[in-house]
Amino acid sequence: MSYYLVKTTFETGEVSKKGEIIQKPAEFLVSGDSVLEVEKKIGEYLRGSIGGYETTRISKTKIEAVVHEI
């Protein structure tokens, strides 16, 4: 299993003075065996929790492990 950095942008629901929708970048660390698996996981994770989002980049990291508890 590997860890992937998933970069996304979210629609904030706000509009700029120029009338453009303001987007906020966000990053997630996702475990998986392939980019397709990670893309599916992030889609399931974000489904229903926010308005519009777009995945802008998925890249494999050199992270070997994530320590949750000791």
PDB file of N, CA and C in Angstrom:
ATOM      1  N   MET A   1       0.837  -1.167   0.000  1.00  0.00           N
ATOM      2  CA  MET A   1       0.000   0.000   0.000  1.00  0.00           C
ATOM      3  C   MET A   1       0.890   1.240   0.000  1.00  0.00           C
ATOM      4  N   SER A   2       0.424   2.257  -0.686  1.00  0.00           N
ATOM      5  CA  SER A   2       1.144   3.526  -0.778  1.00  0.00           C
ATOM      6  C   SER A   2       0.236   4.649  -0.305  1.00  0.00           C
ATOM      7  N   TYR A   3       0.832   5.817  -0.158  1.00  0.00           N
ATOM      8  CA  TYR A   3       0.076   7.008   0.218  1.00  0.00           C
ATOM      9  C   TYR A   3       0.162   8.019  -0.909  1.00  0.00           C
ATOM     10  N   TYR A   4      -0.979   8.630  -1.208  1.00  0.00           N
ATOM     11  CA  TYR A   4      -1.077   9.586  -2.305  1.00  0.00           C
ATOM     12  C   TYR A   4      -1.540  10.931  -1.772  1.00  0.00           C
ATOM     13  N   LEU A   5      -0.990  12.002  -2.329  1.00  0.00           N
ATOM     14  CA  LEU A   5      -1.428  13.348  -2.018  1.00  0.00           C
ATOM     15  C   LEU A   5      -2.454  13.744  -3.072  1.00  0.00           C
ATOM     16  N   VAL A   6      -3.661  14.054  -2.615  1.00  0.00           N
ATOM     17  CA  VAL A   6      -4.738  14.434  -3.513  1.00  0.00           C
ATOM     18  C   VAL A   6      -5.006  15.929  -3.334  1.00  0.00           C
ATOM     19  N   LYS A   7      -4.818  16.690  -4.410  1.00  0.00           N
ATOM     20  CA  LYS A   7      -5.070  18.123  -4.374  1.00  0.00           C
ATOM     21  C   LYS A   7      -6.406  18.396  -5.050  1.00  0.00           C
ATOM     22  N   THR A   8      -7.228  19.197  -4.375  1.00  0.00           N
ATOM     23  CA  THR A   8      -8.555  19.516  -4.886  1.00  0.00           C
ATOM     24  C   THR A   8      -8.813  21.014  -4.768  1.00  0.00           C
ATOM     25  N   THR A   9      -9.865  21.460  -5.428  1.00  0.00           N
ATOM     26  CA  THR A   9     -10.384  22.812  -5.216  1.00  0.00           C
ATOM     27  C   THR A   9     -11.877  22.703  -4.938  1.00  0.00           C
ATOM     28  N   PHE A  10     -12.357  23.550  -4.028  1.00  0.00           N
ATOM     29  CA  PHE A  10     -13.752  23.559  -3.621  1.00  0.00           C
ATOM     30  C   PHE A  10     -14.395  24.886  -3.966  1.00  0.00           C
ATOM     31  N   GLU A  11     -15.644  24.839  -4.345  1.00  0.00           N
ATOM     32  CA  GLU A  11     -16.427  26.058  -4.487  1.00  0.00           C
ATOM     33  C   GLU A  11     -16.857  26.479  -3.088  1.00  0.00           C
ATOM     34  N   THR A  12     -16.547  27.737  -2.721  1.00  0.00           N
ATOM     35  CA  THR A  12     -16.860  28.203  -1.371  1.00  0.00           C
ATOM     36  C   THR A  12     -18.296  28.686  -1.231  1.00  0.00           C
ATOM     37  N   GLY A  13     -18.971  28.912  -2.339  1.00  0.00           N
ATOM     38  CA  GLY A  13     -20.314  29.467  -2.293  1.00  0.00           C
ATOM     39  C   GLY A  13     -20.305  30.982  -2.307  1.00  0.00           C
ATOM     40  N   GLU A  14     -19.109  31.564  -2.270  1.00  0.00           N
ATOM     41  CA  GLU A  14     -18.963  33.015  -2.317  1.00  0.00           C
ATOM     42  C   GLU A  14     -18.603  33.452  -3.735  1.00  0.00           C
ATOM     43  N   VAL A  15     -18.881  34.714  -4.020  1.00  0.00           N
ATOM     44  CA  VAL A  15     -18.599  35.260  -5.339  1.00  0.00           C
ATOM     45  C   VAL A  15     -17.687  36.477  -5.173  1.00  0.00           C
ATOM     46  N   SER A  16     -16.671  36.581  -6.044  1.00  0.00           N
ATOM     47  CA  SER A  16     -15.755  37.720  -5.988  1.00  0.00           C
ATOM     48  C   SER A  16     -16.422  38.975  -6.551  1.00  0.00           C
ATOM     49  N   LYS A  17     -15.752  40.105  -6.416  1.00  0.00           N
ATOM     50  CA  LYS A  17     -16.274  41.365  -6.945  1.00  0.00           C
ATOM     51  C   LYS A  17     -16.439  41.312  -8.460  1.00  0.00           C
ATOM     52  N   LYS A  18     -15.661  40.454  -9.108  1.00  0.00           N
ATOM     53  CA  LYS A  18     -15.749  40.296 -10.560  1.00  0.00           C
ATOM     54  C   LYS A  18     -16.874  39.348 -10.972  1.00  0.00           C
ATOM     55  N   GLY A  19     -17.550  38.757  -9.976  1.00  0.00           N
ATOM     56  CA  GLY A  19     -18.644  37.838 -10.268  1.00  0.00           C
ATOM     57  C   GLY A  19     -18.208  36.397 -10.452  1.00  0.00           C
ATOM     58  N   GLU A  20     -16.942  36.096 -10.142  1.00  0.00           N
ATOM     59  CA  GLU A  20     -16.428  34.728 -10.285  1.00  0.00           C
ATOM     60  C   GLU A  20     -16.609  33.955  -8.974  1.00  0.00           C
ATOM     61  N   ILE A  21     -16.879  32.673  -9.100  1.00  0.00           N
ATOM     62  CA  ILE A  21     -17.013  31.818  -7.923  1.00  0.00           C
ATOM     63  C   ILE A  21     -15.645  31.652  -7.277  1.00  0.00           C
ATOM     64  N   ILE A  22     -15.574  31.871  -5.959  1.00  0.00           N
ATOM     65  CA  ILE A  22     -14.310  31.735  -5.229  1.00  0.00           C
ATOM     66  C   ILE A  22     -14.078  30.254  -4.937  1.00  0.00           C
ATOM     67  N   GLN A  23     -12.881  29.785  -5.253  1.00  0.00           N
ATOM     68  CA  GLN A  23     -12.515  28.390  -4.999  1.00  0.00           C
ATOM     69  C   GLN A  23     -11.395  28.334  -3.976  1.00  0.00           C
ATOM     70  N   LYS A  24     -11.454  27.333  -3.111  1.00  0.00           N
ATOM     71  CA  LYS A  24     -10.463  27.145  -2.058  1.00  0.00           C
ATOM     72  C   LYS A  24      -9.719  25.839  -2.312  1.00  0.00           C
ATOM     73  N   PRO A  25      -8.374  25.859  -2.279  1.00  0.00           N
ATOM     74  CA  PRO A  25      -7.627  24.612  -2.446  1.00  0.00           C
ATOM     75  C   PRO A  25      -7.623  23.795  -1.147  1.00  0.00           C
ATOM     76  N   ALA A  26      -7.560  22.486  -1.274  1.00  0.00           N
ATOM     77  CA  ALA A  26      -7.462  21.586  -0.129  1.00  0.00           C
ATOM     78  C   ALA A  26      -6.637  20.371  -0.543  1.00  0.00           C
ATOM     79  N   GLU A  27      -5.940  19.776   0.434  1.00  0.00           N
ATOM     80  CA  GLU A  27      -5.118  18.589   0.180  1.00  0.00           C
ATOM     81  C   GLU A  27      -5.504  17.475   1.139  1.00  0.00           C
ATOM     82  N   PHE A  28      -5.462  16.238   0.638  1.00  0.00           N
ATOM     83  CA  PHE A  28      -5.789  15.061   1.431  1.00  0.00           C
ATOM     84  C   PHE A  28      -4.710  14.000   1.233  1.00  0.00           C
ATOM     85  N   LEU A  29      -4.382  13.279   2.293  1.00  0.00           N
ATOM     86  CA  LEU A  29      -3.476  12.138   2.216  1.00  0.00           C
ATOM     87  C   LEU A  29      -4.348  10.893   2.211  1.00  0.00           C
ATOM     88  N   VAL A  30      -4.243  10.088   1.151  1.00  0.00           N
ATOM     89  CA  VAL A  30      -5.119   8.933   0.971  1.00  0.00           C
ATOM     90  C   VAL A  30      -4.276   7.684   0.732  1.00  0.00           C
ATOM     91  N   SER A  31      -4.595   6.601   1.424  1.00  0.00           N
ATOM     92  CA  SER A  31      -3.883   5.338   1.208  1.00  0.00           C
ATOM     93  C   SER A  31      -4.549   4.568   0.078  1.00  0.00           C
ATOM     94  N   GLY A  32      -3.743   3.807  -0.661  1.00  0.00           N
ATOM     95  CA  GLY A  32      -4.301   3.000  -1.739  1.00  0.00           C
ATOM     96  C   GLY A  32      -3.215   2.299  -2.522  1.00  0.00           C
ATOM     97  N   ASP A  33      -3.643   1.409  -3.419  1.00  0.00           N
ATOM     98  CA  ASP A  33      -2.715   0.654  -4.246  1.00  0.00           C
ATOM     99  C   ASP A  33      -2.578   1.223  -5.651  1.00  0.00           C
ATOM    100  N   SER A  34      -3.487   2.136  -6.039  1.00  0.00           N
ATOM    101  CA  SER A  34      -3.428   2.729  -7.374  1.00  0.00           C
ATOM    102  C   SER A  34      -4.111   4.090  -7.368  1.00  0.00           C
ATOM    103  N   VAL A  35      -3.840   4.858  -8.400  1.00  0.00           N
ATOM    104  CA  VAL A  35      -4.471   6.173  -8.538  1.00  0.00           C
ATOM    105  C   VAL A  35      -5.985   6.018  -8.669  1.00  0.00           C
ATOM    106  N   LEU A  36      -6.430   5.019  -9.403  1.00  0.00           N
ATOM    107  CA  LEU A  36      -7.870   4.802  -9.569  1.00  0.00           C
ATOM    108  C   LEU A  36      -8.562   4.496  -8.244  1.00  0.00           C
ATOM    109  N   GLU A  37      -7.913   3.692  -7.404  1.00  0.00           N
ATOM    110  CA  GLU A  37      -8.477   3.378  -6.096  1.00  0.00           C
ATOM    111  C   GLU A  37      -8.558   4.635  -5.231  1.00  0.00           C
ATOM    112  N   VAL A  38      -7.512   5.450  -5.270  1.00  0.00           N
ATOM    113  CA  VAL A  38      -7.474   6.689  -4.492  1.00  0.00           C
ATOM    114  C   VAL A  38      -8.549   7.666  -4.983  1.00  0.00           C
ATOM    115  N   GLU A  39      -8.708   7.766  -6.282  1.00  0.00           N
ATOM    116  CA  GLU A  39      -9.725   8.648  -6.850  1.00  0.00           C
ATOM    117  C   GLU A  39     -11.126   8.216  -6.397  1.00  0.00           C
ATOM    118  N   LYS A  40     -11.367   6.927  -6.356  1.00  0.00           N
ATOM    119  CA  LYS A  40     -12.648   6.403  -5.895  1.00  0.00           C
ATOM    120  C   LYS A  40     -12.855   6.713  -4.414  1.00  0.00           C
ATOM    121  N   LYS A  41     -11.814   6.519  -3.610  1.00  0.00           N
ATOM    122  CA  LYS A  41     -11.913   6.782  -2.172  1.00  0.00           C
ATOM    123  C   LYS A  41     -12.204   8.251  -1.877  1.00  0.00           C
ATOM    124  N   ILE A  42     -11.513   9.155  -2.555  1.00  0.00           N
ATOM    125  CA  ILE A  42     -11.722  10.583  -2.284  1.00  0.00           C
ATOM    126  C   ILE A  42     -13.113  11.004  -2.737  1.00  0.00           C
ATOM    127  N   GLY A  43     -13.597  10.426  -3.824  1.00  0.00           N
ATOM    128  CA  GLY A  43     -14.957  10.722  -4.279  1.00  0.00           C
ATOM    129  C   GLY A  43     -15.998  10.279  -3.269  1.00  0.00           C
ATOM    130  N   GLU A  44     -15.817   9.087  -2.690  1.00  0.00           N
ATOM    131  CA  GLU A  44     -16.745   8.579  -1.680  1.00  0.00           C
ATOM    132  C   GLU A  44     -16.665   9.416  -0.414  1.00  0.00           C
ATOM    133  N   TYR A  45     -15.450   9.828  -0.046  1.00  0.00           N
ATOM    134  CA  TYR A  45     -15.248  10.621   1.167  1.00  0.00           C
ATOM    135  C   TYR A  45     -15.920  11.989   1.054  1.00  0.00           C
ATOM    136  N   LEU A  46     -15.822  12.612  -0.103  1.00  0.00           N
ATOM    137  CA  LEU A  46     -16.334  13.967  -0.281  1.00  0.00           C
ATOM    138  C   LEU A  46     -17.792  14.016  -0.732  1.00  0.00           C
ATOM    139  N   ARG A  47     -18.342  12.901  -1.150  1.00  0.00           N
ATOM    140  CA  ARG A  47     -19.723  12.871  -1.639  1.00  0.00           C
ATOM    141  C   ARG A  47     -20.687  13.340  -0.545  1.00  0.00           C
ATOM    142  N   GLY A  48     -21.481  14.337  -0.879  1.00  0.00           N
ATOM    143  CA  GLY A  48     -22.499  14.821   0.041  1.00  0.00           C
ATOM    144  C   GLY A  48     -22.003  15.765   1.127  1.00  0.00           C
ATOM    145  N   SER A  49     -20.690  15.881   1.299  1.00  0.00           N
ATOM    146  CA  SER A  49     -20.184  16.718   2.381  1.00  0.00           C
ATOM    147  C   SER A  49     -19.953  18.161   1.939  1.00  0.00           C
ATOM    148  N   ILE A  50     -19.829  18.377   0.654  1.00  0.00           N
ATOM    149  CA  ILE A  50     -19.553  19.714   0.141  1.00  0.00           C
ATOM    150  C   ILE A  50     -20.290  19.930  -1.164  1.00  0.00           C
ATOM    151  N   GLY A  51     -20.254  21.172  -1.652  1.00  0.00           N
ATOM    152  CA  GLY A  51     -20.881  21.481  -2.935  1.00  0.00           C
ATOM    153  C   GLY A  51     -20.065  20.913  -4.073  1.00  0.00           C
ATOM    154  N   GLY A  52     -19.504  21.773  -4.884  1.00  0.00           N
ATOM    155  CA  GLY A  52     -18.707  21.311  -6.005  1.00  0.00           C
ATOM    156  C   GLY A  52     -17.239  21.216  -5.648  1.00  0.00           C
ATOM    157  N   TYR A  53     -16.588  20.185  -6.124  1.00  0.00           N
ATOM    158  CA  TYR A  53     -15.146  20.050  -5.948  1.00  0.00           C
ATOM    159  C   TYR A  53     -14.547  19.479  -7.223  1.00  0.00           C
ATOM    160  N   GLU A  54     -13.264  19.699  -7.375  1.00  0.00           N
ATOM    161  CA  GLU A  54     -12.543  19.150  -8.523  1.00  0.00           C
ATOM    162  C   GLU A  54     -11.204  18.623  -8.041  1.00  0.00           C
ATOM    163  N   THR A  55     -10.873  17.412  -8.421  1.00  0.00           N
ATOM    164  CA  THR A  55      -9.549  16.870  -8.127  1.00  0.00           C
ATOM    165  C   THR A  55      -8.604  17.412  -9.181  1.00  0.00           C
ATOM    166  N   THR A  56      -7.571  18.128  -8.735  1.00  0.00           N
ATOM    167  CA  THR A  56      -6.652  18.745  -9.676  1.00  0.00           C
ATOM    168  C   THR A  56      -5.364  17.956  -9.853  1.00  0.00           C
ATOM    169  N   ARG A  57      -5.006  17.135  -8.846  1.00  0.00           N
ATOM    170  CA  ARG A  57      -3.773  16.358  -8.963  1.00  0.00           C
ATOM    171  C   ARG A  57      -3.763  15.228  -7.950  1.00  0.00           C
ATOM    172  N   ILE A  58      -3.278  14.071  -8.362  1.00  0.00           N
ATOM    173  CA  ILE A  58      -3.030  12.940  -7.463  1.00  0.00           C
ATOM    174  C   ILE A  58      -1.608  12.490  -7.701  1.00  0.00           C
ATOM    175  N   SER A  59      -0.797  12.501  -6.647  1.00  0.00           N
ATOM    176  CA  SER A  59       0.600  12.084  -6.810  1.00  0.00           C
ATOM    177  C   SER A  59       1.014  11.164  -5.667  1.00  0.00           C
ATOM    178  N   LYS A  60       1.787  10.148  -6.016  1.00  0.00           N
ATOM    179  CA  LYS A  60       2.283   9.187  -5.037  1.00  0.00           C
ATOM    180  C   LYS A  60       3.354   9.855  -4.187  1.00  0.00           C
ATOM    181  N   THR A  61       3.282   9.655  -2.873  1.00  0.00           N
ATOM    182  CA  THR A  61       4.254  10.252  -1.963  1.00  0.00           C
ATOM    183  C   THR A  61       5.319   9.228  -1.575  1.00  0.00           C
ATOM    184  N   LYS A  62       6.330   9.688  -0.872  1.00  0.00           N
ATOM    185  CA  LYS A  62       7.377   8.802  -0.356  1.00  0.00           C
ATOM    186  C   LYS A  62       7.100   8.415   1.092  1.00  0.00           C
ATOM    187  N   ILE A  63       5.934   8.761   1.582  1.00  0.00           N
ATOM    188  CA  ILE A  63       5.551   8.436   2.970  1.00  0.00           C
ATOM    189  C   ILE A  63       5.428   6.930   3.105  1.00  0.00           C
ATOM    190  N   GLU A  64       6.084   6.384   4.112  1.00  0.00           N
ATOM    191  CA  GLU A  64       6.077   4.938   4.324  1.00  0.00           C
ATOM    192  C   GLU A  64       4.961   4.474   5.230  1.00  0.00           C
ATOM    193  N   ALA A  65       4.595   5.322   6.195  1.00  0.00           N
ATOM    194  CA  ALA A  65       3.540   4.944   7.128  1.00  0.00           C
ATOM    195  C   ALA A  65       2.966   6.185   7.785  1.00  0.00           C
ATOM    196  N   VAL A  66       1.739   6.050   8.245  1.00  0.00           N
ATOM    197  CA  VAL A  66       1.098   7.098   9.024  1.00  0.00           C
ATOM    198  C   VAL A  66       0.826   6.499  10.396  1.00  0.00           C
ATOM    199  N   VAL A  67       1.330   7.130  11.447  1.00  0.00           N
ATOM    200  CA  VAL A  67       1.172   6.632  12.797  1.00  0.00           C
ATOM    201  C   VAL A  67      -0.042   7.332  13.413  1.00  0.00           C
ATOM    202  N   HIS A  68      -1.073   6.549  13.714  1.00  0.00           N
ATOM    203  CA  HIS A  68      -2.303   7.107  14.281  1.00  0.00           C
ATOM    204  C   HIS A  68      -2.240   7.129  15.792  1.00  0.00           C
ATOM    205  N   GLU A  69      -1.791   6.047  16.383  1.00  0.00           N
ATOM    206  CA  GLU A  69      -1.765   5.908  17.842  1.00  0.00           C
ATOM    207  C   GLU A  69      -0.489   5.213  18.260  1.00  0.00           C
ATOM    208  N   ILE A  70      -0.092   5.489  19.463  1.00  0.00           N
ATOM    209  CA  ILE A  70       1.109   4.822  20.004  1.00  0.00           C
ATOM    210  C   ILE A  70       0.686   3.948  21.176  1.00  0.00           C
TER     211      ILE A  70
END
